[in-house]
Amino acid sequence: MILFPAIDLKDAKCVRLKHGDMATATIYNDDPAAQAKAFEEQGFEWLHVVDLNGAFKGQSVNSAAVGAILKATKNPVQLGGGIRTLEQIEDWLARGLARVILGTVAVRDPDLVRQACKAFPGKVAVGIDAKGGKVAVEGWAEASSLGVIELARKFEGAGVAAIIYTDIDRDGVLTGINWDATIDLAEAVSIPVIASGGLASIADIVRMTMPDAQKLEGAISGRALYDGRIDPAEALAILRGKPAMEARS
């Protein structure tokens, strides 16, 4: 079970949004590369990065900041936001990304996702961001008519490395992950699912260890880590099999 710390990039800074609204951005670090290194030193083994400007613009915007992150950490990095073509996927993987995350293009052009999975085995994840149970696109600015499970099933057997499922209504507001919807998705498809949106406390970390959550690959944490609501050492100890009380000691 992996806990992915998140770096969301807006104007080359680490920020967190509420409900995906760019106007709500809180800046947590002016140096994304230093933040990436700090997460590595805290014991995290992966890094989740989103180019927020890129998600809205439809092309990579914070490339320099991502490049600096890749140089600063030895941890594998997955990146989403504005990646829409095979050429962009190939370029990012050549620069050292472990995985690219395809969101809007997974809705607009699912065949491209299948082509990418074939060309780059194990390197392509799909980001499914939902509001009210329906998939949102273009940096969450537009709603589609697709249901979450309906979209996910389009990629069964395609070789997608993971599905990153975000409940937009919970993202950045520390209300807890939508476990019911996330686990329903994990049970509906064979693709590994990563929970995202709302992870709030050690209680959510403990919830990740419950039997019905074992199908998940892990969960993403942003604001709760930056605000100090989750102690990295305690969270990682719990996920490695220590009881919550023992992890605190």
C-alpha atoms as a PDB file:
ATOM      1  CA  MET A   1       0.000   0.000   0.000  1.00  0.00           C
ATOM      2  CA  ILE A   2       1.593   3.245  -1.176  1.00  0.00           C
ATOM      3  CA  LEU A   3       1.067   6.719   0.253  1.00  0.00           C
ATOM      4  CA  PHE A   4       1.777   9.195  -2.533  1.00  0.00           C
ATOM      5  CA  PRO A   5       2.651  12.717  -1.345  1.00  0.00           C
ATOM      6  CA  ALA A   6       1.348  15.300  -3.805  1.00  0.00           C
ATOM      7  CA  ILE A   7       2.982  18.311  -5.370  1.00  0.00           C
ATOM      8  CA  ASP A   8       0.453  20.402  -7.275  1.00  0.00           C
ATOM      9  CA  LEU A   9       2.151  23.036  -9.416  1.00  0.00           C
ATOM     10  CA  LYS A  10       0.678  26.452 -10.134  1.00  0.00           C
ATOM     11  CA  ASP A  11       3.008  29.089 -11.560  1.00  0.00           C
ATOM     12  CA  ALA A  12       6.002  26.897 -10.585  1.00  0.00           C
ATOM     13  CA  LYS A  13       4.991  26.823  -6.889  1.00  0.00           C
ATOM     14  CA  CYS A  14       3.631  24.029  -4.678  1.00  0.00           C
ATOM     15  CA  VAL A  15      -0.006  24.795  -3.957  1.00  0.00           C
ATOM     16  CA  ARG A  16      -3.209  23.134  -2.817  1.00  0.00           C
ATOM     17  CA  LEU A  17      -6.631  23.975  -4.175  1.00  0.00           C
ATOM     18  CA  LYS A  18     -10.123  23.498  -2.788  1.00  0.00           C
ATOM     19  CA  HIS A  19     -12.522  21.617  -5.078  1.00  0.00           C
ATOM     20  CA  GLY A  20     -10.076  22.190  -7.934  1.00  0.00           C
ATOM     21  CA  ASP A  21     -10.694  25.947  -7.996  1.00  0.00           C
ATOM     22  CA  MET A  22      -7.530  27.796  -9.060  1.00  0.00           C
ATOM     23  CA  ALA A  23      -8.721  30.926  -7.228  1.00  0.00           C
ATOM     24  CA  THR A  24      -8.442  29.065  -3.909  1.00  0.00           C
ATOM     25  CA  ALA A  25      -4.747  28.202  -4.249  1.00  0.00           C
ATOM     26  CA  THR A  26      -2.717  28.178  -1.038  1.00  0.00           C
ATOM     27  CA  ILE A  27       1.042  28.333  -1.629  1.00  0.00           C
ATOM     28  CA  TYR A  28       2.981  25.880   0.531  1.00  0.00           C
ATOM     29  CA  ASN A  29       6.441  26.007  -1.012  1.00  0.00           C
ATOM     30  CA  ASP A  30       8.121  28.251  -3.579  1.00  0.00           C
ATOM     31  CA  ASP A  31      10.634  25.497  -4.357  1.00  0.00           C
ATOM     32  CA  PRO A  32       8.986  22.305  -5.696  1.00  0.00           C
ATOM     33  CA  ALA A  33      12.337  20.531  -6.050  1.00  0.00           C
ATOM     34  CA  ALA A  34      13.136  21.107  -2.368  1.00  0.00           C
ATOM     35  CA  GLN A  35       9.676  19.809  -1.464  1.00  0.00           C
ATOM     36  CA  ALA A  36      10.243  16.675  -3.520  1.00  0.00           C
ATOM     37  CA  LYS A  37      13.552  16.067  -1.751  1.00  0.00           C
ATOM     38  CA  ALA A  38      11.911  16.638   1.638  1.00  0.00           C
ATOM     39  CA  PHE A  39       9.255  14.022   0.891  1.00  0.00           C
ATOM     40  CA  GLU A  40      11.974  11.546  -0.076  1.00  0.00           C
ATOM     41  CA  GLU A  41      13.864  12.238   3.156  1.00  0.00           C
ATOM     42  CA  GLN A  42      10.672  11.671   5.147  1.00  0.00           C
ATOM     43  CA  GLY A  43      10.555   8.113   3.807  1.00  0.00           C
ATOM     44  CA  PHE A  44       8.039   8.333   0.985  1.00  0.00           C
ATOM     45  CA  GLU A  45       8.811   6.073  -1.962  1.00  0.00           C
ATOM     46  CA  TRP A  46       6.753   7.692  -4.732  1.00  0.00           C
ATOM     47  CA  LEU A  47       5.750  11.221  -5.739  1.00  0.00           C
ATOM     48  CA  HIS A  48       2.528  12.406  -7.357  1.00  0.00           C
ATOM     49  CA  VAL A  49       2.835  15.649  -9.356  1.00  0.00           C
ATOM     50  CA  VAL A  50       0.129  17.645 -11.143  1.00  0.00           C
ATOM     51  CA  ASP A  51       0.717  20.538 -13.532  1.00  0.00           C
ATOM     52  CA  LEU A  52      -2.403  22.532 -12.678  1.00  0.00           C
ATOM     53  CA  ASN A  53      -1.752  25.243 -15.256  1.00  0.00           C
ATOM     54  CA  GLY A  54      -1.182  22.526 -17.824  1.00  0.00           C
ATOM     55  CA  ALA A  55      -4.458  20.799 -16.979  1.00  0.00           C
ATOM     56  CA  PHE A  56      -6.394  23.976 -17.767  1.00  0.00           C
ATOM     57  CA  LYS A  57      -4.317  24.969 -20.803  1.00  0.00           C
ATOM     58  CA  GLY A  58      -4.172  21.518 -22.375  1.00  0.00           C
ATOM     59  CA  GLN A  59      -0.383  21.410 -22.583  1.00  0.00           C
ATOM     60  CA  SER A  60       2.518  21.260 -20.160  1.00  0.00           C
ATOM     61  CA  VAL A  61       3.200  24.631 -18.516  1.00  0.00           C
ATOM     62  CA  ASN A  62       5.360  23.867 -15.478  1.00  0.00           C
ATOM     63  CA  SER A  63       7.935  21.786 -17.369  1.00  0.00           C
ATOM     64  CA  ALA A  64      10.920  23.477 -15.765  1.00  0.00           C
ATOM     65  CA  ALA A  65       9.598  22.856 -12.255  1.00  0.00           C
ATOM     66  CA  VAL A  66       8.905  19.207 -13.070  1.00  0.00           C
ATOM     67  CA  GLY A  67      12.394  18.858 -14.507  1.00  0.00           C
ATOM     68  CA  ALA A  68      13.863  20.256 -11.301  1.00  0.00           C
ATOM     69  CA  ILE A  69      11.789  17.786  -9.267  1.00  0.00           C
ATOM     70  CA  LEU A  70      13.084  14.870 -11.350  1.00  0.00           C
ATOM     71  CA  LYS A  71      16.667  15.970 -10.671  1.00  0.00           C
ATOM     72  CA  ALA A  72      16.054  16.485  -6.955  1.00  0.00           C
ATOM     73  CA  THR A  73      14.560  13.101  -6.043  1.00  0.00           C
ATOM     74  CA  LYS A  74      15.467   9.495  -6.669  1.00  0.00           C
ATOM     75  CA  ASN A  75      11.840   8.478  -6.085  1.00  0.00           C
ATOM     76  CA  PRO A  76       9.694   7.483  -9.047  1.00  0.00           C
ATOM     77  CA  VAL A  77       7.423  10.338 -10.139  1.00  0.00           C
ATOM     78  CA  GLN A  78       4.007  10.209 -11.781  1.00  0.00           C
ATOM     79  CA  LEU A  79       2.785  13.341 -13.555  1.00  0.00           C
ATOM     80  CA  GLY A  80      -0.584  14.529 -14.782  1.00  0.00           C
ATOM     81  CA  GLY A  81      -1.900  17.753 -16.249  1.00  0.00           C
ATOM     82  CA  GLY A  82      -1.948  18.781 -19.892  1.00  0.00           C
ATOM     83  CA  ILE A  83      -0.492  15.580 -21.351  1.00  0.00           C
ATOM     84  CA  ARG A  84      -2.600  14.950 -24.448  1.00  0.00           C
ATOM     85  CA  THR A  85      -0.443  13.362 -27.204  1.00  0.00           C
ATOM     86  CA  LEU A  86       1.796  10.351 -27.755  1.00  0.00           C
ATOM     87  CA  GLU A  87       4.677  12.716 -28.444  1.00  0.00           C
ATOM     88  CA  GLN A  88       4.233  14.433 -25.084  1.00  0.00           C
ATOM     89  CA  ILE A  89       4.049  11.068 -23.321  1.00  0.00           C
ATOM     90  CA  GLU A  90       7.231   9.869 -25.013  1.00  0.00           C
ATOM     91  CA  ASP A  91       9.029  13.120 -24.187  1.00  0.00           C
ATOM     92  CA  TRP A  92       8.109  13.018 -20.500  1.00  0.00           C
ATOM     93  CA  LEU A  93       9.068   9.373 -20.103  1.00  0.00           C
ATOM     94  CA  ALA A  94      12.390  10.086 -21.810  1.00  0.00           C
ATOM     95  CA  ARG A  95      12.971  12.833 -19.241  1.00  0.00           C
ATOM     96  CA  GLY A  96      12.695  10.335 -16.423  1.00  0.00           C
ATOM     97  CA  LEU A  97       9.051  10.088 -15.362  1.00  0.00           C
ATOM     98  CA  ALA A  98       7.970   6.715 -14.026  1.00  0.00           C
ATOM     99  CA  ARG A  99       4.361   7.228 -15.148  1.00  0.00           C
ATOM    100  CA  VAL A 100       2.275   9.726 -17.038  1.00  0.00           C
ATOM    101  CA  ILE A 101      -1.329  10.307 -15.996  1.00  0.00           C
ATOM    102  CA  LEU A 102      -3.892  10.832 -18.757  1.00  0.00           C
ATOM    103  CA  GLY A 103      -7.149  12.483 -17.714  1.00  0.00           C
ATOM    104  CA  THR A 104      -9.011  14.616 -20.244  1.00  0.00           C
ATOM    105  CA  VAL A 105      -7.640  12.652 -23.186  1.00  0.00           C
ATOM    106  CA  ALA A 106      -8.934   9.429 -21.621  1.00  0.00           C
ATOM    107  CA  VAL A 107     -12.428  10.823 -22.100  1.00  0.00           C
ATOM    108  CA  ARG A 108     -11.850  12.567 -25.427  1.00  0.00           C
ATOM    109  CA  ASP A 109      -9.696   9.926 -27.112  1.00  0.00           C
ATOM    110  CA  PRO A 110      -9.628   6.568 -25.312  1.00  0.00           C
ATOM    111  CA  ASP A 111      -7.897   4.977 -28.301  1.00  0.00           C
ATOM    112  CA  LEU A 112      -4.866   7.169 -27.646  1.00  0.00           C
ATOM    113  CA  VAL A 113      -4.675   5.777 -24.115  1.00  0.00           C
ATOM    114  CA  ARG A 114      -4.691   2.249 -25.511  1.00  0.00           C
ATOM    115  CA  GLN A 115      -1.970   3.161 -28.010  1.00  0.00           C
ATOM    116  CA  ALA A 116       0.114   4.726 -25.257  1.00  0.00           C
ATOM    117  CA  CYS A 117      -0.238   1.651 -23.029  1.00  0.00           C
ATOM    118  CA  LYS A 118       0.932  -0.551 -25.891  1.00  0.00           C
ATOM    119  CA  ALA A 119       3.873   1.731 -26.707  1.00  0.00           C
ATOM    120  CA  PHE A 120       4.903   2.318 -23.093  1.00  0.00           C
ATOM    121  CA  PRO A 121       3.943  -0.743 -21.008  1.00  0.00           C
ATOM    122  CA  GLY A 122       3.470  -0.039 -17.317  1.00  0.00           C
ATOM    123  CA  LYS A 123       4.057   3.683 -17.792  1.00  0.00           C
ATOM    124  CA  VAL A 124       0.538   5.006 -18.366  1.00  0.00           C
ATOM    125  CA  ALA A 125      -2.063   5.738 -15.675  1.00  0.00           C
ATOM    126  CA  VAL A 126      -5.553   7.139 -16.145  1.00  0.00           C
ATOM    127  CA  GLY A 127      -6.829   9.958 -13.972  1.00  0.00           C
ATOM    128  CA  ILE A 128     -10.570   9.853 -13.350  1.00  0.00           C
ATOM    129  CA  ASP A 129     -11.815  12.976 -11.618  1.00  0.00           C
ATOM    130  CA  ALA A 130     -15.477  12.961 -10.655  1.00  0.00           C
ATOM    131  CA  LYS A 131     -18.032  15.441  -9.421  1.00  0.00           C
ATOM    132  CA  GLY A 132     -21.411  14.103  -8.413  1.00  0.00           C
ATOM    133  CA  GLY A 133     -20.446  10.721  -9.829  1.00  0.00           C
ATOM    134  CA  LYS A 134     -19.738  12.105 -13.312  1.00  0.00           C
ATOM    135  CA  VAL A 135     -16.316  12.475 -14.869  1.00  0.00           C
ATOM    136  CA  ALA A 136     -14.902  16.010 -15.159  1.00  0.00           C
ATOM    137  CA  VAL A 137     -12.350  17.154 -17.738  1.00  0.00           C
ATOM    138  CA  GLU A 138     -10.205  20.157 -18.725  1.00  0.00           C
ATOM    139  CA  GLY A 139      -8.778  20.706 -15.265  1.00  0.00           C
ATOM    140  CA  TRP A 140     -12.185  19.903 -13.721  1.00  0.00           C
ATOM    141  CA  ALA A 141     -13.680  22.918 -15.510  1.00  0.00           C
ATOM    142  CA  GLU A 142     -16.099  20.838 -17.583  1.00  0.00           C
ATOM    143  CA  ALA A 143     -18.409  17.964 -16.724  1.00  0.00           C
ATOM    144  CA  SER A 144     -19.000  14.991 -18.995  1.00  0.00           C
ATOM    145  CA  SER A 145     -21.922  12.587 -19.102  1.00  0.00           C
ATOM    146  CA  LEU A 146     -19.695   9.595 -18.350  1.00  0.00           C
ATOM    147  CA  GLY A 147     -19.939   7.673 -15.106  1.00  0.00           C
ATOM    148  CA  VAL A 148     -16.732   6.739 -13.299  1.00  0.00           C
ATOM    149  CA  ILE A 149     -17.044   2.961 -13.632  1.00  0.00           C
ATOM    150  CA  GLU A 150     -18.265   3.315 -17.227  1.00  0.00           C
ATOM    151  CA  LEU A 151     -15.066   5.146 -18.160  1.00  0.00           C
ATOM    152  CA  ALA A 152     -12.792   2.844 -16.182  1.00  0.00           C
ATOM    153  CA  ARG A 153     -14.177  -0.244 -17.902  1.00  0.00           C
ATOM    154  CA  LYS A 154     -13.194   1.179 -21.285  1.00  0.00           C
ATOM    155  CA  PHE A 155      -9.585   0.431 -20.368  1.00  0.00           C
ATOM    156  CA  GLU A 156      -9.901  -3.108 -19.067  1.00  0.00           C
ATOM    157  CA  GLY A 157      -7.217  -5.217 -20.727  1.00  0.00           C
ATOM    158  CA  ALA A 158      -5.478  -2.185 -22.241  1.00  0.00           C
ATOM    159  CA  GLY A 159      -2.495  -2.319 -19.902  1.00  0.00           C
ATOM    160  CA  VAL A 160      -3.273   0.767 -17.809  1.00  0.00           C
ATOM    161  CA  ALA A 161      -0.867   0.773 -14.856  1.00  0.00           C
ATOM    162  CA  ALA A 162      -3.309   2.427 -12.430  1.00  0.00           C
ATOM    163  CA  ILE A 163      -6.454   4.515 -12.167  1.00  0.00           C
ATOM    164  CA  ILE A 164      -6.184   7.588  -9.978  1.00  0.00           C
ATOM    165  CA  TYR A 165      -9.693   8.347  -8.763  1.00  0.00           C
ATOM    166  CA  THR A 166     -10.363  11.804  -7.338  1.00  0.00           C
ATOM    167  CA  ASP A 167     -13.618  12.928  -5.749  1.00  0.00           C
ATOM    168  CA  ILE A 168     -13.557  16.642  -6.619  1.00  0.00           C
ATOM    169  CA  ASP A 169     -16.132  17.490  -3.955  1.00  0.00           C
ATOM    170  CA  ARG A 170     -13.663  16.314  -1.301  1.00  0.00           C
ATOM    171  CA  ASP A 171     -10.386  17.463  -2.809  1.00  0.00           C
ATOM    172  CA  GLY A 172      -8.416  19.870  -0.672  1.00  0.00           C
ATOM    173  CA  VAL A 173     -11.049  20.235   2.056  1.00  0.00           C
ATOM    174  CA  LEU A 174      -9.954  17.482   4.473  1.00  0.00           C
ATOM    175  CA  THR A 175     -13.316  15.749   4.714  1.00  0.00           C
ATOM    176  CA  GLY A 176     -11.942  12.238   4.269  1.00  0.00           C
ATOM    177  CA  ILE A 177     -11.656  10.077   1.166  1.00  0.00           C
ATOM    178  CA  ASN A 178     -14.843   8.834  -0.466  1.00  0.00           C
ATOM    179  CA  TRP A 179     -14.080   5.251   0.459  1.00  0.00           C
ATOM    180  CA  ASP A 180     -17.392   3.792  -0.731  1.00  0.00           C
ATOM    181  CA  ALA A 181     -17.046   5.104  -4.283  1.00  0.00           C
ATOM    182  CA  THR A 182     -13.327   4.341  -4.416  1.00  0.00           C
ATOM    183  CA  ILE A 183     -13.722   0.753  -3.273  1.00  0.00           C
ATOM    184  CA  ASP A 184     -16.721   0.252  -5.580  1.00  0.00           C
ATOM    185  CA  LEU A 185     -14.491   1.294  -8.466  1.00  0.00           C
ATOM    186  CA  ALA A 186     -11.666  -0.996  -7.359  1.00  0.00           C
ATOM    187  CA  GLU A 187     -14.080  -3.912  -7.199  1.00  0.00           C
ATOM    188  CA  ALA A 188     -15.547  -3.117 -10.632  1.00  0.00           C
ATOM    189  CA  VAL A 189     -12.260  -3.274 -12.557  1.00  0.00           C
ATOM    190  CA  SER A 190      -9.057  -5.281 -12.479  1.00  0.00           C
ATOM    191  CA  ILE A 191      -6.871  -2.156 -12.885  1.00  0.00           C
ATOM    192  CA  PRO A 192      -5.186  -1.018  -9.636  1.00  0.00           C
ATOM    193  CA  VAL A 193      -6.910   2.052  -8.149  1.00  0.00           C
ATOM    194  CA  ILE A 194      -5.290   4.923  -6.250  1.00  0.00           C
ATOM    195  CA  ALA A 195      -7.571   6.956  -3.973  1.00  0.00           C
ATOM    196  CA  SER A 196      -7.375  10.739  -4.122  1.00  0.00           C
ATOM    197  CA  GLY A 197      -9.281  13.695  -2.739  1.00  0.00           C
ATOM    198  CA  GLY A 198      -9.922  14.531   0.895  1.00  0.00           C
ATOM    199  CA  LEU A 199      -7.424  12.393   2.795  1.00  0.00           C
ATOM    200  CA  ALA A 200      -7.602  14.132   6.131  1.00  0.00           C
ATOM    201  CA  SER A 201      -6.072  12.283   9.048  1.00  0.00           C
ATOM    202  CA  ILE A 202      -4.429   9.177  10.456  1.00  0.00           C
ATOM    203  CA  ALA A 203      -7.923   7.660  10.503  1.00  0.00           C
ATOM    204  CA  ASP A 204      -7.811   7.607   6.703  1.00  0.00           C
ATOM    205  CA  ILE A 205      -4.396   5.947   6.834  1.00  0.00           C
ATOM    206  CA  VAL A 206      -5.744   3.256   9.144  1.00  0.00           C
ATOM    207  CA  ARG A 207      -8.743   2.876   6.791  1.00  0.00           C
ATOM    208  CA  MET A 208      -6.312   2.035   3.999  1.00  0.00           C
ATOM    209  CA  THR A 209      -5.253  -1.067   5.927  1.00  0.00           C
ATOM    210  CA  MET A 210      -8.762  -2.521   6.224  1.00  0.00           C
ATOM    211  CA  PRO A 211      -9.496  -5.731   4.275  1.00  0.00           C
ATOM    212  CA  ASP A 212     -11.879  -4.138   1.754  1.00  0.00           C
ATOM    213  CA  ALA A 213      -9.234  -1.541   0.838  1.00  0.00           C
ATOM    214  CA  GLN A 214      -6.557  -4.095   0.034  1.00  0.00           C
ATOM    215  CA  LYS A 215      -7.405  -3.975  -3.678  1.00  0.00           C
ATOM    216  CA  LEU A 216      -6.174  -0.398  -3.781  1.00  0.00           C
ATOM    217  CA  GLU A 217      -2.625   0.451  -4.816  1.00  0.00           C
ATOM    218  CA  GLY A 218      -2.634   3.315  -2.355  1.00  0.00           C
ATOM    219  CA  ALA A 219      -3.792   6.876  -1.763  1.00  0.00           C
ATOM    220  CA  ILE A 220      -2.608  10.422  -2.424  1.00  0.00           C
ATOM    221  CA  SER A 221      -2.149  12.977   0.335  1.00  0.00           C
ATOM    222  CA  GLY A 222      -1.694  16.701  -0.107  1.00  0.00           C
ATOM    223  CA  ARG A 223      -3.050  19.325   2.263  1.00  0.00           C
ATOM    224  CA  ALA A 224      -3.055  17.010   5.303  1.00  0.00           C
ATOM    225  CA  LEU A 225       0.700  16.517   4.922  1.00  0.00           C
ATOM    226  CA  TYR A 226       1.421  20.182   4.314  1.00  0.00           C
ATOM    227  CA  ASP A 227      -0.730  21.265   7.272  1.00  0.00           C
ATOM    228  CA  GLY A 228       0.845  18.723   9.604  1.00  0.00           C
ATOM    229  CA  ARG A 229      -2.384  16.814  10.182  1.00  0.00           C
ATOM    230  CA  ILE A 230      -0.603  13.621   9.189  1.00  0.00           C
ATOM    231  CA  ASP A 231       2.810  12.738  10.567  1.00  0.00           C
ATOM    232  CA  PRO A 232       4.757  11.040   7.755  1.00  0.00           C
ATOM    233  CA  ALA A 233       6.617   8.620  10.036  1.00  0.00           C
ATOM    234  CA  GLU A 234       3.418   7.530  11.774  1.00  0.00           C
ATOM    235  CA  ALA A 235       1.501   7.136   8.512  1.00  0.00           C
ATOM    236  CA  LEU A 236       4.234   5.107   6.825  1.00  0.00           C
ATOM    237  CA  ALA A 237       4.659   2.911   9.898  1.00  0.00           C
ATOM    238  CA  ILE A 238       0.959   2.077   9.898  1.00  0.00           C
ATOM    239  CA  LEU A 239       1.029   1.181   6.207  1.00  0.00           C
ATOM    240  CA  ARG A 240       4.002  -1.063   6.854  1.00  0.00           C
ATOM    241  CA  GLY A 241       1.983  -3.078   9.309  1.00  0.00           C
ATOM    242  CA  LYS A 242       2.390  -1.460  12.715  1.00  0.00           C
ATOM    243  CA  PRO A 243      -0.757  -0.709  14.776  1.00  0.00           C
ATOM    244  CA  ALA A 244      -1.602   2.989  15.089  1.00  0.00           C
ATOM    245  CA  MET A 245      -0.653   3.170  18.784  1.00  0.00           C
ATOM    246  CA  GLU A 246       2.667   1.376  18.193  1.00  0.00           C
ATOM    247  CA  ALA A 247       3.415   3.662  15.227  1.00  0.00           C
ATOM    248  CA  ARG A 248       3.010   6.704  17.507  1.00  0.00           C
ATOM    249  CA  SER A 249       5.548   5.397  19.999  1.00  0.00           C
END
